[in-house]
């Protein structure tokens, strides 16, 4: 009933339980479940648009990450140098 992918088992179980509860209440309505993980677009221009949009997003993210990491290491260096100076008795200006 679940198929080879275990990701489909939970929705199938919820669907079965929901339909059983609907039948117990005397309803003739029924819930249906479709097992399609992702939208498959046959339009090639849409696929290119999504690909280049995600590529642009990742490039912007990748360009902003190294400065963020560098600023963190500079702050750590400042804190360590101040604490070493205090330990050696050097006053801060």
N, C-alpha and C. Protein backbone atom coordinates (compact mmCIF):
# COMPACT_ATOMS: atom_id res chain seq x y z
N UNK A 1 0.81 -1.19 0.00
CA UNK A 1 0.00 0.00 0.00
C UNK A 1 0.86 1.27 0.00
N UNK A 2 2.03 1.19 0.63
CA UNK A 2 2.89 2.38 0.71
C UNK A 2 3.79 2.54 -0.50
N UNK A 3 4.13 1.48 -1.17
CA UNK A 3 5.05 1.58 -2.30
C UNK A 3 6.48 1.46 -1.82
N UNK A 4 7.44 1.58 -2.74
CA UNK A 4 8.84 1.40 -2.36
C UNK A 4 9.41 2.56 -1.55
N UNK A 5 8.82 3.74 -1.64
CA UNK A 5 9.35 4.88 -0.91
C UNK A 5 8.66 5.00 0.45
N UNK A 6 9.42 5.02 1.54
CA UNK A 6 8.79 5.13 2.86
C UNK A 6 8.18 6.51 3.10
N UNK A 7 8.54 7.50 2.28
CA UNK A 7 7.98 8.84 2.46
C UNK A 7 6.48 8.85 2.15
N UNK A 8 6.01 7.88 1.38
CA UNK A 8 4.59 7.82 1.03
C UNK A 8 3.74 7.16 2.11
N UNK A 9 4.35 6.46 3.06
CA UNK A 9 3.57 5.69 4.04
C UNK A 9 2.74 6.57 4.96
N UNK A 10 3.29 7.67 5.45
CA UNK A 10 2.54 8.51 6.38
C UNK A 10 1.31 9.14 5.74
N UNK A 11 1.42 9.73 4.54
CA UNK A 11 0.20 10.27 3.93
C UNK A 11 -0.84 9.19 3.64
N UNK A 12 -0.42 7.99 3.26
CA UNK A 12 -1.37 6.91 3.00
C UNK A 12 -2.07 6.52 4.30
N UNK A 13 -1.32 6.45 5.39
CA UNK A 13 -1.90 6.11 6.69
C UNK A 13 -2.91 7.18 7.13
N UNK A 14 -2.55 8.45 7.00
CA UNK A 14 -3.46 9.53 7.37
C UNK A 14 -4.71 9.50 6.50
N UNK A 15 -4.54 9.25 5.22
CA UNK A 15 -5.69 9.17 4.32
C UNK A 15 -6.61 8.01 4.70
N UNK A 16 -6.04 6.85 5.01
CA UNK A 16 -6.85 5.71 5.40
C UNK A 16 -7.61 5.98 6.70
N UNK A 17 -6.92 6.55 7.68
CA UNK A 17 -7.58 6.86 8.95
C UNK A 17 -8.66 7.92 8.78
N UNK A 18 -8.40 8.93 7.96
CA UNK A 18 -9.39 9.97 7.73
C UNK A 18 -10.64 9.41 7.06
N UNK A 19 -10.44 8.55 6.07
CA UNK A 19 -11.59 7.95 5.40
C UNK A 19 -12.37 7.03 6.35
N UNK A 20 -11.66 6.32 7.22
CA UNK A 20 -12.34 5.46 8.19
C UNK A 20 -13.17 6.30 9.16
N UNK A 21 -12.62 7.43 9.62
CA UNK A 21 -13.36 8.30 10.52
C UNK A 21 -14.58 8.92 9.82
N UNK A 22 -14.43 9.26 8.54
CA UNK A 22 -15.58 9.80 7.80
C UNK A 22 -16.68 8.75 7.67
N UNK A 23 -16.30 7.50 7.42
CA UNK A 23 -17.31 6.44 7.30
C UNK A 23 -18.00 6.16 8.63
N UNK A 24 -17.24 6.24 9.74
CA UNK A 24 -17.84 6.04 11.06
C UNK A 24 -18.86 7.11 11.40
N UNK A 25 -18.66 8.32 10.86
CA UNK A 25 -19.61 9.40 11.11
C UNK A 25 -20.79 9.36 10.15
N UNK A 26 -20.78 8.42 9.24
CA UNK A 26 -21.89 8.26 8.31
C UNK A 26 -21.82 9.17 7.10
N UNK A 27 -20.69 9.70 6.82
CA UNK A 27 -20.54 10.59 5.67
C UNK A 27 -20.25 9.78 4.42
N UNK A 28 -20.73 10.28 3.30
CA UNK A 28 -20.44 9.62 2.03
C UNK A 28 -19.24 10.27 1.34
N UNK A 29 -18.69 11.32 1.93
CA UNK A 29 -17.52 12.00 1.36
C UNK A 29 -16.29 11.11 1.53
N UNK A 30 -15.30 11.38 0.71
CA UNK A 30 -14.10 10.57 0.74
C UNK A 30 -12.91 11.44 0.40
N UNK A 31 -11.80 11.23 1.08
CA UNK A 31 -10.57 11.94 0.78
C UNK A 31 -9.74 11.10 -0.17
N UNK A 32 -9.07 11.77 -1.11
CA UNK A 32 -8.22 11.07 -2.06
C UNK A 32 -6.79 11.56 -1.90
N UNK A 33 -5.85 10.71 -2.20
CA UNK A 33 -4.44 11.00 -2.03
C UNK A 33 -3.72 10.78 -3.36
N UNK A 34 -2.91 11.77 -3.74
CA UNK A 34 -2.06 11.63 -4.91
C UNK A 34 -0.63 11.55 -4.44
N UNK A 35 0.10 10.65 -5.01
CA UNK A 35 1.48 10.41 -4.59
C UNK A 35 2.46 10.90 -5.65
N UNK A 36 2.51 12.20 -5.82
CA UNK A 36 3.47 12.80 -6.74
C UNK A 36 4.30 13.77 -5.91
N UNK A 37 5.59 13.47 -5.75
CA UNK A 37 6.40 14.24 -4.83
C UNK A 37 6.62 15.68 -5.28
N UNK A 38 6.98 15.87 -6.52
CA UNK A 38 7.30 17.21 -7.00
C UNK A 38 6.53 17.48 -8.28
N UNK A 39 6.28 18.75 -8.52
CA UNK A 39 5.62 19.15 -9.74
C UNK A 39 6.59 18.94 -10.89
N UNK A 40 6.18 18.18 -11.88
CA UNK A 40 7.05 17.94 -13.03
C UNK A 40 6.58 18.81 -14.17
N UNK A 41 7.38 19.79 -14.47
CA UNK A 41 7.04 20.72 -15.55
C UNK A 41 7.66 20.23 -16.85
N UNK A 42 6.86 20.16 -17.87
CA UNK A 42 7.36 19.74 -19.18
C UNK A 42 7.83 20.95 -19.98
N UNK A 43 7.55 22.13 -19.48
CA UNK A 43 7.93 23.35 -20.17
C UNK A 43 9.42 23.60 -19.94
N UNK A 44 10.23 23.60 -21.00
CA UNK A 44 11.67 23.76 -20.87
C UNK A 44 12.05 25.16 -20.39
N UNK A 45 11.31 26.19 -20.83
CA UNK A 45 11.65 27.54 -20.41
C UNK A 45 11.40 27.73 -18.91
N UNK A 46 10.38 27.07 -18.38
CA UNK A 46 10.12 27.14 -16.94
C UNK A 46 11.24 26.47 -16.16
N UNK A 47 11.73 25.34 -16.66
CA UNK A 47 12.84 24.66 -15.99
C UNK A 47 14.09 25.53 -15.99
N UNK A 48 14.37 26.20 -17.11
CA UNK A 48 15.54 27.08 -17.19
C UNK A 48 15.36 28.28 -16.26
N UNK A 49 14.16 28.82 -16.20
CA UNK A 49 13.88 29.95 -15.32
C UNK A 49 14.11 29.57 -13.86
N UNK A 50 13.63 28.40 -13.46
CA UNK A 50 13.82 27.95 -12.08
C UNK A 50 15.30 27.68 -11.81
N UNK A 51 15.98 27.04 -12.76
CA UNK A 51 17.39 26.73 -12.57
C UNK A 51 18.22 28.00 -12.41
N UNK A 52 18.04 28.97 -13.30
CA UNK A 52 18.84 30.19 -13.23
C UNK A 52 18.44 31.06 -12.04
N UNK A 53 17.20 31.00 -11.62
CA UNK A 53 16.80 31.71 -10.41
C UNK A 53 17.48 31.14 -9.18
N UNK A 54 17.49 29.82 -9.07
CA UNK A 54 18.16 29.18 -7.94
C UNK A 54 19.67 29.39 -8.00
N UNK A 55 20.24 29.35 -9.20
CA UNK A 55 21.68 29.58 -9.34
C UNK A 55 22.05 30.99 -8.90
N UNK A 56 21.25 31.98 -9.30
CA UNK A 56 21.49 33.36 -8.89
C UNK A 56 21.39 33.50 -7.38
N UNK A 57 20.38 32.88 -6.80
CA UNK A 57 20.20 32.93 -5.35
C UNK A 57 21.41 32.34 -4.63
N UNK A 58 21.89 31.19 -5.10
CA UNK A 58 23.03 30.55 -4.46
C UNK A 58 24.31 31.37 -4.63
N UNK A 59 24.48 32.01 -5.79
CA UNK A 59 25.67 32.85 -5.99
C UNK A 59 25.66 34.06 -5.07
N UNK A 60 24.50 34.67 -4.89
CA UNK A 60 24.40 35.81 -3.97
C UNK A 60 24.67 35.34 -2.55
N UNK A 61 24.14 34.20 -2.19
CA UNK A 61 24.37 33.64 -0.85
C UNK A 61 25.85 33.32 -0.66
N UNK A 62 26.47 32.72 -1.67
CA UNK A 62 27.88 32.35 -1.56
C UNK A 62 28.78 33.57 -1.50
N UNK A 63 28.39 34.68 -2.14
CA UNK A 63 29.23 35.87 -2.09
C UNK A 63 29.11 36.59 -0.76
N UNK A 64 28.02 36.40 -0.03
CA UNK A 64 27.86 37.06 1.25
C UNK A 64 28.37 36.26 2.43
N UNK A 65 28.62 34.99 2.25
CA UNK A 65 29.02 34.14 3.36
C UNK A 65 30.47 34.34 3.80
N UNK A 66 31.47 34.42 2.92
CA UNK A 66 32.85 34.59 3.38
C UNK A 66 33.09 35.86 4.19
N UNK A 67 32.55 37.03 3.81
CA UNK A 67 32.75 38.20 4.68
C UNK A 67 32.14 38.02 6.07
N UNK A 68 31.02 37.33 6.14
CA UNK A 68 30.39 37.08 7.43
C UNK A 68 31.30 36.23 8.31
N UNK A 69 31.89 35.19 7.72
CA UNK A 69 32.81 34.34 8.48
C UNK A 69 34.08 35.10 8.85
N UNK A 70 34.56 35.97 7.98
CA UNK A 70 35.77 36.74 8.27
C UNK A 70 35.53 37.72 9.41
N UNK A 71 34.36 38.34 9.45
CA UNK A 71 34.06 39.29 10.53
C UNK A 71 33.98 38.57 11.86
N UNK A 72 33.48 37.36 11.87
CA UNK A 72 33.43 36.59 13.10
C UNK A 72 34.82 36.28 13.62
N UNK A 73 35.74 35.93 12.73
CA UNK A 73 37.09 35.61 13.18
C UNK A 73 37.83 36.87 13.63
N UNK A 74 37.55 38.03 13.02
CA UNK A 74 38.16 39.29 13.46
C UNK A 74 37.68 39.64 14.86
N UNK A 75 36.39 39.47 15.13
CA UNK A 75 35.85 39.75 16.46
C UNK A 75 36.47 38.81 17.49
N UNK A 76 36.64 37.54 17.15
CA UNK A 76 37.28 36.59 18.07
C UNK A 76 38.71 37.00 18.35
N UNK A 77 39.42 37.49 17.33
CA UNK A 77 40.80 37.92 17.51
C UNK A 77 40.86 39.12 18.46
N UNK A 78 39.94 40.07 18.30
CA UNK A 78 39.91 41.24 19.18
C UNK A 78 39.67 40.84 20.63
N UNK A 79 38.72 39.95 20.84
CA UNK A 79 38.39 39.51 22.20
C UNK A 79 39.59 38.80 22.83
N UNK A 80 40.23 37.93 22.07
CA UNK A 80 41.38 37.20 22.60
C UNK A 80 42.54 38.15 22.92
N UNK A 81 42.78 39.13 22.03
CA UNK A 81 43.89 40.05 22.28
C UNK A 81 43.61 40.92 23.50
N UNK A 82 42.37 41.34 23.71
CA UNK A 82 42.03 42.13 24.90
C UNK A 82 42.21 41.32 26.17
N UNK A 83 41.75 40.05 26.14
CA UNK A 83 41.87 39.23 27.34
C UNK A 83 43.33 38.90 27.64
N UNK A 84 44.15 38.70 26.62
CA UNK A 84 45.57 38.46 26.85
C UNK A 84 46.24 39.71 27.40
N UNK A 85 45.84 40.89 26.90
CA UNK A 85 46.40 42.15 27.42
C UNK A 85 46.03 42.37 28.87
N UNK A 86 44.79 42.06 29.23
CA UNK A 86 44.37 42.20 30.64
C UNK A 86 45.12 41.23 31.53
N UNK A 87 45.36 40.03 31.02
CA UNK A 87 46.08 39.03 31.81
C UNK A 87 47.54 39.45 32.04
N UNK A 88 48.11 40.20 31.11
CA UNK A 88 49.50 40.63 31.24
C UNK A 88 49.62 41.99 31.92
N UNK A 89 48.49 42.63 32.23
CA UNK A 89 48.50 43.88 32.96
C UNK A 89 48.57 45.10 32.06
N UNK A 90 48.30 44.98 30.79
CA UNK A 90 48.31 46.12 29.87
C UNK A 90 46.94 46.76 29.89
N UNK A 91 46.90 48.09 30.09
CA UNK A 91 45.63 48.81 30.10
C UNK A 91 45.18 49.10 28.68
N UNK A 92 43.85 49.09 28.49
CA UNK A 92 43.30 49.46 27.20
C UNK A 92 43.19 50.97 27.10
N UNK A 93 43.30 51.47 25.91
CA UNK A 93 43.20 52.91 25.71
C UNK A 93 41.80 53.35 25.45
